[in-house]
Amino acid sequence: MKFFSSSYTFDYSWEEVSTNNWRKYCPWNDKASHVLAVDTISRHIDPDTGILRTERLITCRQNAPQWVLTLLGGDTTSHVYEVSYVDPTSKKVTMCSTNMTWSNLLQCRETVIYQPSSADHNAKTEFKQQAQIVALCGGWQKIRSKIEEASIERFRENAAKGREGFEMVLEMSRRVFGEEREKLRLGQALTV
């Protein structure tokens, strides 16, 4: 079993980050071209806590080596199951995801948390990411360890691209919605 952990502070408020989290895989993010579809399975708000719980299926194109695909009989499409919780009271987004494709050979469980930064509660958001990867294939421990190490390294590279892409989404969103607010303000000023 191998672990990955990272943290980052976005220079955007929790409101901006939690809202744009739903746009993470939009055309503004050229780092997410591997995401083919995001399907919402269920979504509901707990009437007692106000927490929004969402289940999604994320379909991706993976660039696994051809020999791996031939050996395992798979193709380049993979699926990830994600459950997220948005707590507007405590201002916390928690996202838990696990791979569905080849999960009998390799399990990847990821948890991501977005919360207001303790350094600047109103303008910055802390991002914490943890992943656990376990190779389930039989055989020698050395082989399993190599598979887990390679998977963690790939996860690390993809996590960096993911943060970079989300940063682009946040930047574009701030600009576009800022322009729209300005148009509305100017339109209201003209009617007065």
N, C-alpha and C. Protein backbone atom coordinates (compact mmCIF):
# COMPACT_ATOMS: atom_id res chain seq x y z
N MET A 1 0.85 -1.17 0.00
CA MET A 1 0.00 0.00 0.00
C MET A 1 0.89 1.24 0.00
N LYS A 2 0.58 2.18 -0.89
CA LYS A 2 1.33 3.43 -0.98
C LYS A 2 0.37 4.59 -0.77
N PHE A 3 0.91 5.69 -0.23
CA PHE A 3 0.11 6.86 0.07
C PHE A 3 0.64 8.09 -0.65
N PHE A 4 -0.27 8.98 -0.98
CA PHE A 4 0.08 10.26 -1.58
C PHE A 4 -0.67 11.34 -0.80
N SER A 5 0.00 12.44 -0.55
CA SER A 5 -0.64 13.53 0.16
C SER A 5 -0.11 14.85 -0.39
N SER A 6 -0.99 15.83 -0.55
CA SER A 6 -0.56 17.15 -0.98
C SER A 6 -1.51 18.20 -0.41
N SER A 7 -1.01 19.41 -0.37
CA SER A 7 -1.86 20.53 0.05
C SER A 7 -1.46 21.75 -0.77
N TYR A 8 -2.39 22.66 -0.86
CA TYR A 8 -2.19 23.84 -1.70
C TYR A 8 -3.17 24.91 -1.21
N THR A 9 -2.82 26.16 -1.39
CA THR A 9 -3.75 27.25 -1.05
C THR A 9 -4.11 28.00 -2.32
N PHE A 10 -5.40 28.00 -2.64
CA PHE A 10 -5.91 28.75 -3.78
C PHE A 10 -6.17 30.18 -3.34
N ASP A 11 -5.82 31.15 -4.19
CA ASP A 11 -6.07 32.57 -3.90
C ASP A 11 -7.48 32.96 -4.33
N TYR A 12 -8.43 32.14 -3.93
CA TYR A 12 -9.85 32.35 -4.23
C TYR A 12 -10.64 31.99 -2.98
N SER A 13 -11.76 32.66 -2.80
CA SER A 13 -12.59 32.39 -1.63
C SER A 13 -13.18 30.99 -1.69
N TRP A 14 -13.64 30.52 -0.54
CA TRP A 14 -14.29 29.20 -0.49
C TRP A 14 -15.53 29.19 -1.38
N GLU A 15 -16.26 30.28 -1.42
CA GLU A 15 -17.45 30.35 -2.26
C GLU A 15 -17.09 30.16 -3.74
N GLU A 16 -16.01 30.81 -4.18
CA GLU A 16 -15.57 30.65 -5.57
C GLU A 16 -15.12 29.21 -5.85
N VAL A 17 -14.34 28.66 -4.94
CA VAL A 17 -13.80 27.31 -5.14
C VAL A 17 -14.92 26.27 -5.10
N SER A 18 -15.81 26.37 -4.12
CA SER A 18 -16.86 25.36 -4.00
C SER A 18 -17.85 25.44 -5.16
N THR A 19 -18.11 26.63 -5.68
CA THR A 19 -19.00 26.79 -6.84
C THR A 19 -18.33 26.26 -8.10
N ASN A 20 -17.07 26.62 -8.30
CA ASN A 20 -16.37 26.22 -9.52
C ASN A 20 -15.92 24.77 -9.50
N ASN A 21 -15.98 24.13 -8.36
CA ASN A 21 -15.67 22.71 -8.31
C ASN A 21 -16.55 21.92 -9.28
N TRP A 22 -17.78 22.38 -9.49
CA TRP A 22 -18.70 21.71 -10.43
C TRP A 22 -18.32 21.99 -11.89
N ARG A 23 -17.46 22.98 -12.12
CA ARG A 23 -17.01 23.32 -13.48
C ARG A 23 -15.60 22.79 -13.76
N LYS A 24 -15.08 22.02 -12.85
CA LYS A 24 -13.68 21.58 -12.94
C LYS A 24 -13.34 20.93 -14.27
N TYR A 25 -14.28 20.22 -14.87
CA TYR A 25 -14.01 19.51 -16.11
C TYR A 25 -14.62 20.19 -17.33
N CYS A 26 -14.82 21.48 -17.26
CA CYS A 26 -15.43 22.22 -18.37
C CYS A 26 -14.37 22.56 -19.42
N PRO A 27 -14.78 23.14 -20.55
CA PRO A 27 -13.82 23.48 -21.61
C PRO A 27 -12.75 24.51 -21.18
N TRP A 28 -12.98 25.23 -20.09
CA TRP A 28 -11.96 26.17 -19.61
C TRP A 28 -10.73 25.46 -19.10
N ASN A 29 -10.84 24.17 -18.82
CA ASN A 29 -9.73 23.40 -18.26
C ASN A 29 -9.12 22.52 -19.35
N ASP A 30 -8.08 23.01 -19.99
CA ASP A 30 -7.46 22.22 -21.06
C ASP A 30 -6.59 21.09 -20.50
N LYS A 31 -6.44 21.02 -19.19
CA LYS A 31 -5.69 19.93 -18.56
C LYS A 31 -6.58 18.71 -18.30
N ALA A 32 -7.88 18.84 -18.58
CA ALA A 32 -8.82 17.75 -18.30
C ALA A 32 -9.42 17.16 -19.57
N SER A 33 -8.67 17.20 -20.65
CA SER A 33 -9.20 16.68 -21.92
C SER A 33 -9.42 15.17 -21.87
N HIS A 34 -8.83 14.50 -20.88
CA HIS A 34 -9.02 13.06 -20.73
C HIS A 34 -10.39 12.71 -20.14
N VAL A 35 -11.09 13.71 -19.57
CA VAL A 35 -12.41 13.46 -19.00
C VAL A 35 -13.43 13.50 -20.13
N LEU A 36 -14.07 12.37 -20.36
CA LEU A 36 -15.03 12.25 -21.45
C LEU A 36 -16.44 12.62 -21.03
N ALA A 37 -16.80 12.31 -19.79
CA ALA A 37 -18.17 12.58 -19.32
C ALA A 37 -18.19 12.62 -17.80
N VAL A 38 -19.10 13.43 -17.27
CA VAL A 38 -19.37 13.48 -15.83
C VAL A 38 -20.88 13.36 -15.68
N ASP A 39 -21.31 12.24 -15.13
CA ASP A 39 -22.74 11.97 -14.98
C ASP A 39 -23.13 12.01 -13.51
N THR A 40 -24.13 12.80 -13.19
CA THR A 40 -24.64 12.85 -11.82
C THR A 40 -25.61 11.70 -11.62
N ILE A 41 -25.32 10.87 -10.64
CA ILE A 41 -26.15 9.71 -10.32
C ILE A 41 -27.26 10.12 -9.36
N SER A 42 -26.90 10.87 -8.33
CA SER A 42 -27.89 11.35 -7.36
C SER A 42 -27.38 12.61 -6.71
N ARG A 43 -28.32 13.40 -6.22
CA ARG A 43 -27.98 14.65 -5.53
C ARG A 43 -29.14 14.98 -4.60
N HIS A 44 -28.81 15.23 -3.33
CA HIS A 44 -29.86 15.65 -2.40
C HIS A 44 -29.26 16.46 -1.25
N ILE A 45 -30.11 17.25 -0.63
CA ILE A 45 -29.73 18.07 0.52
C ILE A 45 -30.36 17.48 1.76
N ASP A 46 -29.55 17.23 2.77
CA ASP A 46 -30.06 16.74 4.04
C ASP A 46 -30.83 17.88 4.71
N PRO A 47 -32.12 17.71 4.98
CA PRO A 47 -32.92 18.80 5.54
C PRO A 47 -32.48 19.23 6.94
N ASP A 48 -31.83 18.35 7.67
CA ASP A 48 -31.40 18.69 9.03
C ASP A 48 -30.07 19.43 9.06
N THR A 49 -29.13 19.03 8.19
CA THR A 49 -27.79 19.62 8.23
C THR A 49 -27.54 20.64 7.11
N GLY A 50 -28.32 20.57 6.03
CA GLY A 50 -28.09 21.43 4.88
C GLY A 50 -26.95 20.96 3.99
N ILE A 51 -26.41 19.78 4.27
CA ILE A 51 -25.29 19.25 3.49
C ILE A 51 -25.79 18.68 2.17
N LEU A 52 -25.16 19.13 1.08
CA LEU A 52 -25.46 18.63 -0.26
C LEU A 52 -24.59 17.39 -0.51
N ARG A 53 -25.23 16.25 -0.79
CA ARG A 53 -24.52 15.01 -1.09
C ARG A 53 -24.76 14.69 -2.57
N THR A 54 -23.67 14.48 -3.30
CA THR A 54 -23.75 14.21 -4.73
C THR A 54 -22.93 12.97 -5.06
N GLU A 55 -23.50 12.10 -5.88
CA GLU A 55 -22.78 10.95 -6.41
C GLU A 55 -22.62 11.16 -7.90
N ARG A 56 -21.40 10.96 -8.40
CA ARG A 56 -21.14 11.13 -9.83
C ARG A 56 -20.30 9.97 -10.36
N LEU A 57 -20.48 9.72 -11.65
CA LEU A 57 -19.65 8.77 -12.38
C LEU A 57 -18.83 9.58 -13.37
N ILE A 58 -17.52 9.47 -13.28
CA ILE A 58 -16.63 10.22 -14.16
C ILE A 58 -15.98 9.22 -15.12
N THR A 59 -16.17 9.46 -16.40
CA THR A 59 -15.63 8.59 -17.44
C THR A 59 -14.41 9.26 -18.05
N CYS A 60 -13.29 8.55 -18.06
CA CYS A 60 -12.02 9.11 -18.52
C CYS A 60 -11.40 8.25 -19.61
N ARG A 61 -10.54 8.88 -20.37
CA ARG A 61 -9.70 8.17 -21.32
C ARG A 61 -8.33 8.08 -20.67
N GLN A 62 -7.82 6.89 -20.52
CA GLN A 62 -6.52 6.73 -19.90
C GLN A 62 -5.50 6.31 -20.94
N ASN A 63 -4.29 6.70 -20.71
CA ASN A 63 -3.25 6.33 -21.68
C ASN A 63 -2.35 5.25 -21.08
N ALA A 64 -2.99 4.13 -20.74
CA ALA A 64 -2.23 2.98 -20.25
C ALA A 64 -1.42 2.39 -21.40
N PRO A 65 -0.27 1.83 -21.09
CA PRO A 65 0.54 1.20 -22.14
C PRO A 65 -0.25 0.09 -22.84
N GLN A 66 -0.05 -0.05 -24.14
CA GLN A 66 -0.79 -1.03 -24.92
C GLN A 66 -0.59 -2.44 -24.39
N TRP A 67 0.61 -2.76 -23.92
CA TRP A 67 0.86 -4.11 -23.41
C TRP A 67 -0.01 -4.40 -22.19
N VAL A 68 -0.26 -3.37 -21.36
CA VAL A 68 -1.13 -3.55 -20.19
C VAL A 68 -2.56 -3.81 -20.65
N LEU A 69 -3.02 -3.03 -21.62
CA LEU A 69 -4.37 -3.22 -22.14
C LEU A 69 -4.54 -4.61 -22.76
N THR A 70 -3.54 -5.06 -23.50
CA THR A 70 -3.59 -6.38 -24.14
C THR A 70 -3.59 -7.48 -23.08
N LEU A 71 -2.72 -7.34 -22.11
CA LEU A 71 -2.59 -8.35 -21.05
C LEU A 71 -3.87 -8.46 -20.22
N LEU A 72 -4.46 -7.31 -19.87
CA LEU A 72 -5.63 -7.31 -18.99
C LEU A 72 -6.95 -7.33 -19.74
N GLY A 73 -6.89 -7.19 -21.05
CA GLY A 73 -8.12 -7.24 -21.84
C GLY A 73 -8.99 -6.02 -21.69
N GLY A 74 -8.40 -4.90 -21.37
CA GLY A 74 -9.17 -3.67 -21.17
C GLY A 74 -9.08 -2.75 -22.36
N ASP A 75 -9.70 -1.60 -22.22
CA ASP A 75 -9.56 -0.57 -23.25
C ASP A 75 -9.16 0.74 -22.58
N THR A 76 -9.17 1.80 -23.32
CA THR A 76 -8.66 3.07 -22.81
C THR A 76 -9.70 3.88 -22.03
N THR A 77 -10.90 3.34 -21.85
CA THR A 77 -11.93 4.05 -21.09
C THR A 77 -11.97 3.52 -19.66
N SER A 78 -11.99 4.42 -18.70
CA SER A 78 -12.07 4.01 -17.31
C SER A 78 -13.14 4.83 -16.60
N HIS A 79 -13.58 4.31 -15.46
CA HIS A 79 -14.66 4.96 -14.70
C HIS A 79 -14.23 5.17 -13.25
N VAL A 80 -14.61 6.31 -12.72
CA VAL A 80 -14.34 6.68 -11.32
C VAL A 80 -15.66 7.03 -10.67
N TYR A 81 -15.89 6.50 -9.49
CA TYR A 81 -17.09 6.81 -8.71
C TYR A 81 -16.71 7.85 -7.66
N GLU A 82 -17.48 8.93 -7.59
CA GLU A 82 -17.18 10.03 -6.67
C GLU A 82 -18.41 10.37 -5.84
N VAL A 83 -18.20 10.55 -4.55
CA VAL A 83 -19.23 11.04 -3.64
C VAL A 83 -18.69 12.32 -3.02
N SER A 84 -19.49 13.39 -3.07
CA SER A 84 -19.04 14.65 -2.49
C SER A 84 -20.07 15.17 -1.50
N TYR A 85 -19.57 15.92 -0.54
CA TYR A 85 -20.40 16.54 0.50
C TYR A 85 -20.03 18.01 0.57
N VAL A 86 -21.02 18.87 0.40
CA VAL A 86 -20.79 20.31 0.52
C VAL A 86 -21.55 20.78 1.75
N ASP A 87 -20.79 21.22 2.75
CA ASP A 87 -21.38 21.70 3.99
C ASP A 87 -21.28 23.22 4.02
N PRO A 88 -22.38 23.93 3.72
CA PRO A 88 -22.32 25.39 3.67
C PRO A 88 -22.17 26.04 5.04
N THR A 89 -22.54 25.33 6.09
CA THR A 89 -22.42 25.90 7.44
C THR A 89 -20.96 25.95 7.89
N SER A 90 -20.27 24.83 7.76
CA SER A 90 -18.86 24.81 8.17
C SER A 90 -17.92 25.20 7.02
N LYS A 91 -18.49 25.47 5.85
CA LYS A 91 -17.72 25.82 4.65
C LYS A 91 -16.65 24.77 4.38
N LYS A 92 -17.13 23.57 4.06
CA LYS A 92 -16.23 22.46 3.79
C LYS A 92 -16.79 21.61 2.66
N VAL A 93 -15.96 21.35 1.67
CA VAL A 93 -16.29 20.42 0.59
C VAL A 93 -15.38 19.21 0.77
N THR A 94 -16.00 18.02 0.81
CA THR A 94 -15.25 16.78 0.92
C THR A 94 -15.64 15.91 -0.27
N MET A 95 -14.65 15.44 -1.00
CA MET A 95 -14.90 14.60 -2.18
C MET A 95 -14.12 13.30 -2.00
N CYS A 96 -14.81 12.18 -2.14
CA CYS A 96 -14.19 10.86 -2.02
C CYS A 96 -14.41 10.12 -3.33
N SER A 97 -13.34 9.61 -3.90
CA SER A 97 -13.48 8.90 -5.17
C SER A 97 -12.68 7.60 -5.15
N THR A 98 -13.15 6.68 -5.96
CA THR A 98 -12.46 5.39 -6.11
C THR A 98 -12.61 4.91 -7.54
N ASN A 99 -11.59 4.22 -8.02
CA ASN A 99 -11.64 3.69 -9.38
C ASN A 99 -12.59 2.50 -9.43
N MET A 100 -13.30 2.40 -10.52
CA MET A 100 -14.17 1.24 -10.75
C MET A 100 -13.52 0.29 -11.77
N THR A 101 -12.77 0.85 -12.69
CA THR A 101 -12.11 0.06 -13.72
C THR A 101 -10.87 -0.61 -13.12
N TRP A 102 -10.73 -1.89 -13.35
CA TRP A 102 -9.60 -2.69 -12.87
C TRP A 102 -9.46 -2.66 -11.35
N SER A 103 -10.55 -2.39 -10.64
CA SER A 103 -10.48 -2.31 -9.18
C SER A 103 -10.16 -3.66 -8.54
N ASN A 104 -10.31 -4.75 -9.29
CA ASN A 104 -9.92 -6.06 -8.78
C ASN A 104 -8.40 -6.25 -8.80
N LEU A 105 -7.68 -5.37 -9.50
CA LEU A 105 -6.22 -5.45 -9.58
C LEU A 105 -5.51 -4.31 -8.86
N LEU A 106 -6.13 -3.13 -8.89
CA LEU A 106 -5.51 -1.95 -8.29
C LEU A 106 -6.61 -1.05 -7.77
N GLN A 107 -6.55 -0.71 -6.50
CA GLN A 107 -7.54 0.19 -5.92
C GLN A 107 -6.89 1.53 -5.61
N CYS A 108 -7.57 2.58 -6.04
CA CYS A 108 -7.11 3.94 -5.75
C CYS A 108 -8.27 4.66 -5.08
N ARG A 109 -8.05 5.08 -3.85
CA ARG A 109 -9.06 5.82 -3.09
C ARG A 109 -8.48 7.19 -2.78
N GLU A 110 -9.24 8.21 -3.19
CA GLU A 110 -8.77 9.59 -3.03
C GLU A 110 -9.78 10.39 -2.21
N THR A 111 -9.27 11.26 -1.35
CA THR A 111 -10.10 12.19 -0.61
C THR A 111 -9.54 13.60 -0.81
N VAL A 112 -10.43 14.52 -1.17
CA VAL A 112 -10.06 15.92 -1.37
C VAL A 112 -10.94 16.77 -0.45
N ILE A 113 -10.33 17.75 0.21
CA ILE A 113 -11.07 18.66 1.08
C ILE A 113 -10.71 20.10 0.72
N TYR A 114 -11.75 20.93 0.58
CA TYR A 114 -11.59 22.37 0.39
C TYR A 114 -12.20 23.07 1.61
N GLN A 115 -11.42 23.95 2.26
CA GLN A 115 -11.91 24.74 3.39
C GLN A 115 -11.29 26.12 3.33
N PRO A 116 -11.97 27.11 3.93
CA PRO A 116 -11.36 28.44 3.98
C PRO A 116 -10.00 28.38 4.67
N SER A 117 -9.07 29.16 4.18
CA SER A 117 -7.72 29.19 4.74
C SER A 117 -7.75 29.82 6.14
N SER A 118 -6.99 29.24 7.04
CA SER A 118 -6.90 29.82 8.38
C SER A 118 -6.13 31.14 8.35
N ALA A 119 -5.27 31.33 7.34
CA ALA A 119 -4.50 32.57 7.22
C ALA A 119 -5.34 33.72 6.68
N ASP A 120 -6.26 33.43 5.76
CA ASP A 120 -7.11 34.46 5.17
C ASP A 120 -8.46 33.82 4.84
N HIS A 121 -9.30 33.76 5.85
CA HIS A 121 -10.58 33.03 5.80
C HIS A 121 -11.49 33.48 4.66
N ASN A 122 -11.45 34.75 4.27
CA ASN A 122 -12.38 35.29 3.28
C ASN A 122 -11.87 35.25 1.84
N ALA A 123 -10.56 35.14 1.63
CA ALA A 123 -10.04 35.27 0.28
C ALA A 123 -9.23 34.08 -0.22
N LYS A 124 -8.95 33.13 0.65
CA LYS A 124 -8.12 31.98 0.24
C LYS A 124 -8.78 30.68 0.70
N THR A 125 -8.48 29.61 -0.05
CA THR A 125 -9.05 28.30 0.26
C THR A 125 -7.95 27.26 0.31
N GLU A 126 -7.95 26.49 1.39
CA GLU A 126 -6.98 25.41 1.54
C GLU A 126 -7.51 24.15 0.84
N PHE A 127 -6.62 23.50 0.13
CA PHE A 127 -6.91 22.27 -0.59
C PHE A 127 -6.04 21.17 0.01
N LYS A 128 -6.66 20.08 0.43
CA LYS A 128 -5.91 18.94 0.95
C LYS A 128 -6.33 17.70 0.17
N GLN A 129 -5.34 16.94 -0.25
CA GLN A 129 -5.60 15.76 -1.08
C GLN A 129 -4.81 14.59 -0.51
N GLN A 130 -5.50 13.45 -0.38
CA GLN A 130 -4.84 12.23 0.06
C GLN A 130 -5.31 11.09 -0.83
N ALA A 131 -4.39 10.19 -1.13
CA ALA A 131 -4.74 9.02 -1.93
C ALA A 131 -4.03 7.80 -1.34
N GLN A 132 -4.72 6.69 -1.49
CA GLN A 132 -4.18 5.41 -1.05
C GLN A 132 -4.29 4.46 -2.24
N ILE A 133 -3.18 3.85 -2.60
CA ILE A 133 -3.16 2.94 -3.75
C ILE A 133 -2.68 1.57 -3.28
N VAL A 134 -3.47 0.55 -3.64
CA VAL A 134 -3.16 -0.81 -3.25
C VAL A 134 -3.23 -1.71 -4.49
N ALA A 135 -2.13 -2.40 -4.77
CA ALA A 135 -2.12 -3.39 -5.85
C ALA A 135 -2.62 -4.70 -5.26
N LEU A 136 -3.62 -5.28 -5.89
CA LEU A 136 -4.25 -6.50 -5.39
C LEU A 136 -3.84 -7.74 -6.16
N CYS A 137 -3.00 -7.54 -7.18
CA CYS A 137 -2.59 -8.68 -7.99
C CYS A 137 -1.76 -9.64 -7.14
N GLY A 138 -1.90 -10.91 -7.42
CA GLY A 138 -1.14 -11.91 -6.67
C GLY A 138 0.33 -11.83 -7.03
N GLY A 139 1.08 -12.68 -6.43
CA GLY A 139 2.50 -12.73 -6.77
C GLY A 139 3.37 -12.11 -5.70
N TRP A 140 4.56 -11.80 -6.10
CA TRP A 140 5.55 -11.31 -5.16
C TRP A 140 5.27 -9.89 -4.72
N GLN A 141 5.63 -9.63 -3.48
CA GLN A 141 5.47 -8.29 -2.90
C GLN A 141 6.26 -7.26 -3.70
N LYS A 142 7.41 -7.67 -4.22
CA LYS A 142 8.25 -6.74 -4.98
C LYS A 142 7.50 -6.24 -6.23
N ILE A 143 6.76 -7.12 -6.90
CA ILE A 143 6.00 -6.73 -8.09
C ILE A 143 4.87 -5.78 -7.68
N ARG A 144 4.16 -6.13 -6.61
CA ARG A 144 3.07 -5.26 -6.14
C ARG A 144 3.61 -3.88 -5.77
N SER A 145 4.75 -3.86 -5.09
CA SER A 145 5.35 -2.58 -4.70
C SER A 145 5.72 -1.73 -5.91
N LYS A 146 6.27 -2.36 -6.94
CA LYS A 146 6.63 -1.63 -8.17
C LYS A 146 5.39 -1.05 -8.83
N ILE A 147 4.31 -1.84 -8.88
CA ILE A 147 3.06 -1.35 -9.48
C ILE A 147 2.53 -0.17 -8.67
N GLU A 148 2.55 -0.28 -7.34
CA GLU A 148 2.06 0.81 -6.48
C GLU A 148 2.92 2.06 -6.61
N GLU A 149 4.25 1.88 -6.67
CA GLU A 149 5.15 3.03 -6.83
C GLU A 149 4.90 3.75 -8.15
N ALA A 150 4.75 2.98 -9.23
CA ALA A 150 4.49 3.59 -10.54
C ALA A 150 3.14 4.29 -10.54
N SER A 151 2.16 3.70 -9.87
CA SER A 151 0.82 4.31 -9.81
C SER A 151 0.84 5.59 -8.99
N ILE A 152 1.58 5.62 -7.89
CA ILE A 152 1.68 6.83 -7.07
C ILE A 152 2.36 7.94 -7.85
N GLU A 153 3.41 7.60 -8.59
CA GLU A 153 4.12 8.63 -9.38
C GLU A 153 3.19 9.21 -10.44
N ARG A 154 2.44 8.37 -11.08
CA ARG A 154 1.48 8.84 -12.09
C ARG A 154 0.40 9.70 -11.43
N PHE A 155 -0.06 9.27 -10.27
CA PHE A 155 -1.06 10.03 -9.53
C PHE A 155 -0.51 11.42 -9.19
N ARG A 156 0.75 11.49 -8.75
CA ARG A 156 1.40 12.75 -8.40
C ARG A 156 1.43 13.70 -9.61
N GLU A 157 1.79 13.16 -10.77
CA GLU A 157 1.84 13.98 -12.00
C GLU A 157 0.44 14.48 -12.37
N ASN A 158 -0.55 13.59 -12.29
CA ASN A 158 -1.92 13.98 -12.63
C ASN A 158 -2.49 14.97 -11.63
N ALA A 159 -2.12 14.85 -10.35
CA ALA A 159 -2.60 15.78 -9.33
C ALA A 159 -2.09 17.19 -9.61
N ALA A 160 -0.83 17.30 -10.02
CA ALA A 160 -0.26 18.61 -10.35
C ALA A 160 -0.99 19.22 -11.55
N LYS A 161 -1.26 18.43 -12.57
CA LYS A 161 -2.01 18.92 -13.73
C LYS A 161 -3.42 19.32 -13.33
N GLY A 162 -4.03 18.53 -12.45
CA GLY A 162 -5.39 18.82 -11.99
C GLY A 162 -5.48 20.15 -11.28
N ARG A 163 -4.54 20.43 -10.39
CA ARG A 163 -4.53 21.73 -9.68
C ARG A 163 -4.32 22.87 -10.66
N GLU A 164 -3.40 22.68 -11.59
CA GLU A 164 -3.13 23.71 -12.60
C GLU A 164 -4.39 23.99 -13.45
N GLY A 165 -5.07 22.93 -13.85
CA GLY A 165 -6.29 23.09 -14.64
C GLY A 165 -7.40 23.76 -13.85
N PHE A 166 -7.55 23.39 -12.59
CA PHE A 166 -8.60 24.00 -11.75
C PHE A 166 -8.29 25.48 -11.53
N GLU A 167 -7.03 25.81 -11.41
CA GLU A 167 -6.62 27.21 -11.27
C GLU A 167 -7.06 28.01 -12.50
N MET A 168 -6.95 27.41 -13.69
CA MET A 168 -7.41 28.07 -14.92
C MET A 168 -8.93 28.28 -14.89
N VAL A 169 -9.66 27.29 -14.41
CA VAL A 169 -11.12 27.40 -14.30
C VAL A 169 -11.49 28.53 -13.33
N LEU A 170 -10.81 28.60 -12.21
CA LEU A 170 -11.09 29.65 -11.23
C LEU A 170 -10.80 31.03 -11.81
N GLU A 171 -9.68 31.16 -12.50
CA GLU A 171 -9.31 32.44 -13.11
C GLU A 171 -10.32 32.88 -14.16
N MET A 172 -10.68 31.95 -15.05
CA MET A 172 -11.64 32.27 -16.11
C MET A 172 -13.01 32.61 -15.52
N SER A 173 -13.43 31.87 -14.53
CA SER A 173 -14.72 32.12 -13.90
C SER A 173 -14.76 33.51 -13.26
N ARG A 174 -13.70 33.85 -12.55
CA ARG A 174 -13.66 35.18 -11.91
C ARG A 174 -13.75 36.28 -12.97
N ARG A 175 -13.03 36.09 -14.07
CA ARG A 175 -13.03 37.11 -15.13
C ARG A 175 -14.40 37.20 -15.81
N VAL A 176 -14.95 36.07 -16.22
CA VAL A 176 -16.22 36.06 -16.94
C VAL A 176 -17.36 36.59 -16.08
N PHE A 177 -17.46 36.10 -14.86
CA PHE A 177 -18.56 36.55 -14.00
C PHE A 177 -18.35 37.99 -13.52
N GLY A 178 -17.09 38.41 -13.42
CA GLY A 178 -16.81 39.82 -13.11
C GLY A 178 -17.28 40.73 -14.24
N GLU A 179 -17.02 40.30 -15.48
CA GLU A 179 -17.49 41.06 -16.64
C GLU A 179 -19.02 41.13 -16.68
N GLU A 180 -19.66 40.03 -16.37
CA GLU A 180 -21.13 40.01 -16.35
C GLU A 180 -21.69 40.92 -15.26
N ARG A 181 -21.07 40.90 -14.08
CA ARG A 181 -21.51 41.80 -13.00
C ARG A 181 -21.35 43.26 -13.41
N GLU A 182 -20.25 43.55 -14.11
CA GLU A 182 -20.01 44.93 -14.56
C GLU A 182 -21.05 45.35 -15.59
N LYS A 183 -21.40 44.45 -16.51
CA LYS A 183 -22.45 44.75 -17.50
C LYS A 183 -23.78 45.03 -16.81
N LEU A 184 -24.11 44.22 -15.83
CA LEU A 184 -25.36 44.43 -15.08
C LEU A 184 -25.34 45.77 -14.36
N ARG A 185 -24.21 46.09 -13.74
CA ARG A 185 -24.08 47.36 -13.03
C ARG A 185 -24.25 48.53 -13.98
N LEU A 186 -23.61 48.45 -15.15
CA LEU A 186 -23.70 49.53 -16.13
C LEU A 186 -25.12 49.63 -16.67
N GLY A 187 -25.77 48.49 -16.90
CA GLY A 187 -27.15 48.49 -17.38
C GLY A 187 -28.10 49.10 -16.37
N GLN A 188 -27.89 48.84 -15.12
CA GLN A 188 -28.73 49.41 -14.07
C GLN A 188 -28.46 50.91 -13.95
N ALA A 189 -27.21 51.31 -14.11
CA ALA A 189 -26.89 52.75 -14.03
C ALA A 189 -27.54 53.53 -15.16
N LEU A 190 -27.64 52.92 -16.34
CA LEU A 190 -28.26 53.59 -17.49
C LEU A 190 -29.77 53.74 -17.33
N THR A 191 -30.40 52.81 -16.61
CA THR A 191 -31.85 52.90 -16.46
C THR A 191 -32.27 53.84 -15.33
N VAL A 192 -31.34 54.29 -14.54
CA VAL A 192 -31.68 55.19 -13.43
C VAL A 192 -31.75 56.62 -13.87
